[in-house]
Amino acid sequence: MSRQPRAAVRRPLAERREPYLRIFLLSFGMMMLLLVPVMIYTGGFFTYYGDFNSQQLPFYYLAH
């Protein structure tokens, strides 16, 4: 008499312990640890300057 494998029982979504909230909060905390000193040093301003146009224009020339 052989034993049949049991079917995997899936728990409802409300009972699952997904780590998404914990990962989000950890990431947000790390971001704030990096950005807050910069914002204090610059007087409350955080300026992001990217090279969007310098990357985008050559791509459009190549694509078209």
C-alpha atoms as a PDB file:
ATOM      1  CA  MET A   1       0.000   0.000   0.000  1.00  0.00           C
ATOM      2  CA  SER A   2       1.777   3.128  -1.192  1.00  0.00           C
ATOM      3  CA  ARG A   3       1.067   6.593   0.059  1.00  0.00           C
ATOM      4  CA  GLN A   4      -0.146   9.142  -2.417  1.00  0.00           C
ATOM      5  CA  PRO A   5       1.533  12.543  -2.308  1.00  0.00           C
ATOM      6  CA  ARG A   6      -0.540  15.173  -0.618  1.00  0.00           C
ATOM      7  CA  ALA A   7      -1.732  18.083  -2.693  1.00  0.00           C
ATOM      8  CA  ALA A   8      -0.189  21.411  -1.816  1.00  0.00           C
ATOM      9  CA  VAL A   9      -2.611  23.496   0.184  1.00  0.00           C
ATOM     10  CA  ARG A  10      -2.533  27.150  -0.773  1.00  0.00           C
ATOM     11  CA  ARG A  11      -3.364  29.665   1.890  1.00  0.00           C
ATOM     12  CA  PRO A  12      -5.716  32.558   1.062  1.00  0.00           C
ATOM     13  CA  LEU A  13      -4.140  35.902   0.238  1.00  0.00           C
ATOM     14  CA  ALA A  14      -5.179  37.363   3.582  1.00  0.00           C
ATOM     15  CA  GLU A  15      -3.157  34.715   5.421  1.00  0.00           C
ATOM     16  CA  ARG A  16       0.023  34.849   3.315  1.00  0.00           C
ATOM     17  CA  ARG A  17       2.978  36.624   4.807  1.00  0.00           C
ATOM     18  CA  GLU A  18       4.403  38.406   1.787  1.00  0.00           C
ATOM     19  CA  PRO A  19       7.394  40.636   2.562  1.00  0.00           C
ATOM     20  CA  TYR A  20       6.398  43.474   0.202  1.00  0.00           C
ATOM     21  CA  LEU A  21       5.594  46.040   2.876  1.00  0.00           C
ATOM     22  CA  ARG A  22       8.759  45.251   4.813  1.00  0.00           C
ATOM     23  CA  ILE A  23      10.877  45.535   1.645  1.00  0.00           C
ATOM     24  CA  PHE A  24       9.236  48.846   0.709  1.00  0.00           C
ATOM     25  CA  LEU A  25       9.773  50.327   4.171  1.00  0.00           C
ATOM     26  CA  LEU A  26      13.390  49.158   4.272  1.00  0.00           C
ATOM     27  CA  SER A  27      14.070  50.650   0.827  1.00  0.00           C
ATOM     28  CA  PHE A  28      12.340  53.916   1.724  1.00  0.00           C
ATOM     29  CA  GLY A  29      14.341  54.172   4.940  1.00  0.00           C
ATOM     30  CA  MET A  30      17.625  53.602   3.104  1.00  0.00           C
ATOM     31  CA  MET A  31      16.686  56.228   0.514  1.00  0.00           C
ATOM     32  CA  MET A  32      15.905  58.743   3.251  1.00  0.00           C
ATOM     33  CA  LEU A  33      19.209  57.994   5.004  1.00  0.00           C
ATOM     34  CA  LEU A  34      21.007  58.944   1.797  1.00  0.00           C
ATOM     35  CA  LEU A  35      18.896  61.917   0.718  1.00  0.00           C
ATOM     36  CA  VAL A  36      18.227  63.741   3.982  1.00  0.00           C
ATOM     37  CA  PRO A  37      21.892  64.710   4.602  1.00  0.00           C
ATOM     38  CA  VAL A  38      22.146  66.045   1.039  1.00  0.00           C
ATOM     39  CA  MET A  39      18.940  68.027   1.448  1.00  0.00           C
ATOM     40  CA  ILE A  40      20.122  69.468   4.779  1.00  0.00           C
ATOM     41  CA  TYR A  41      23.490  70.437   3.269  1.00  0.00           C
ATOM     42  CA  THR A  42      21.873  72.161   0.269  1.00  0.00           C
ATOM     43  CA  GLY A  43      19.277  73.989   2.361  1.00  0.00           C
ATOM     44  CA  GLY A  44      16.314  71.759   1.619  1.00  0.00           C
ATOM     45  CA  PHE A  45      16.701  71.461  -2.130  1.00  0.00           C
ATOM     46  CA  PHE A  46      17.410  68.223  -3.928  1.00  0.00           C
ATOM     47  CA  THR A  47      18.100  68.833  -7.579  1.00  0.00           C
ATOM     48  CA  TYR A  48      18.255  65.916  -9.953  1.00  0.00           C
ATOM     49  CA  TYR A  49      19.962  66.652 -13.225  1.00  0.00           C
ATOM     50  CA  GLY A  50      20.040  63.830 -15.710  1.00  0.00           C
ATOM     51  CA  ASP A  51      21.404  63.554 -19.210  1.00  0.00           C
ATOM     52  CA  PHE A  52      18.068  62.611 -20.741  1.00  0.00           C
ATOM     53  CA  ASN A  53      18.433  64.763 -23.851  1.00  0.00           C
ATOM     54  CA  SER A  54      22.006  63.731 -24.534  1.00  0.00           C
ATOM     55  CA  GLN A  55      20.910  60.084 -24.499  1.00  0.00           C
ATOM     56  CA  GLN A  56      17.579  60.485 -26.246  1.00  0.00           C
ATOM     57  CA  LEU A  57      18.585  62.485 -29.328  1.00  0.00           C
ATOM     58  CA  PRO A  58      21.218  60.026 -30.642  1.00  0.00           C
ATOM     59  CA  PHE A  59      18.737  57.204 -30.075  1.00  0.00           C
ATOM     60  CA  TYR A  60      16.104  58.945 -32.197  1.00  0.00           C
ATOM     61  CA  TYR A  61      18.623  59.597 -34.980  1.00  0.00           C
ATOM     62  CA  LEU A  62      19.599  55.926 -34.961  1.00  0.00           C
ATOM     63  CA  ALA A  63      16.012  54.640 -34.730  1.00  0.00           C
ATOM     64  CA  HIS A  64      14.613  56.762 -37.563  1.00  0.00           C
END
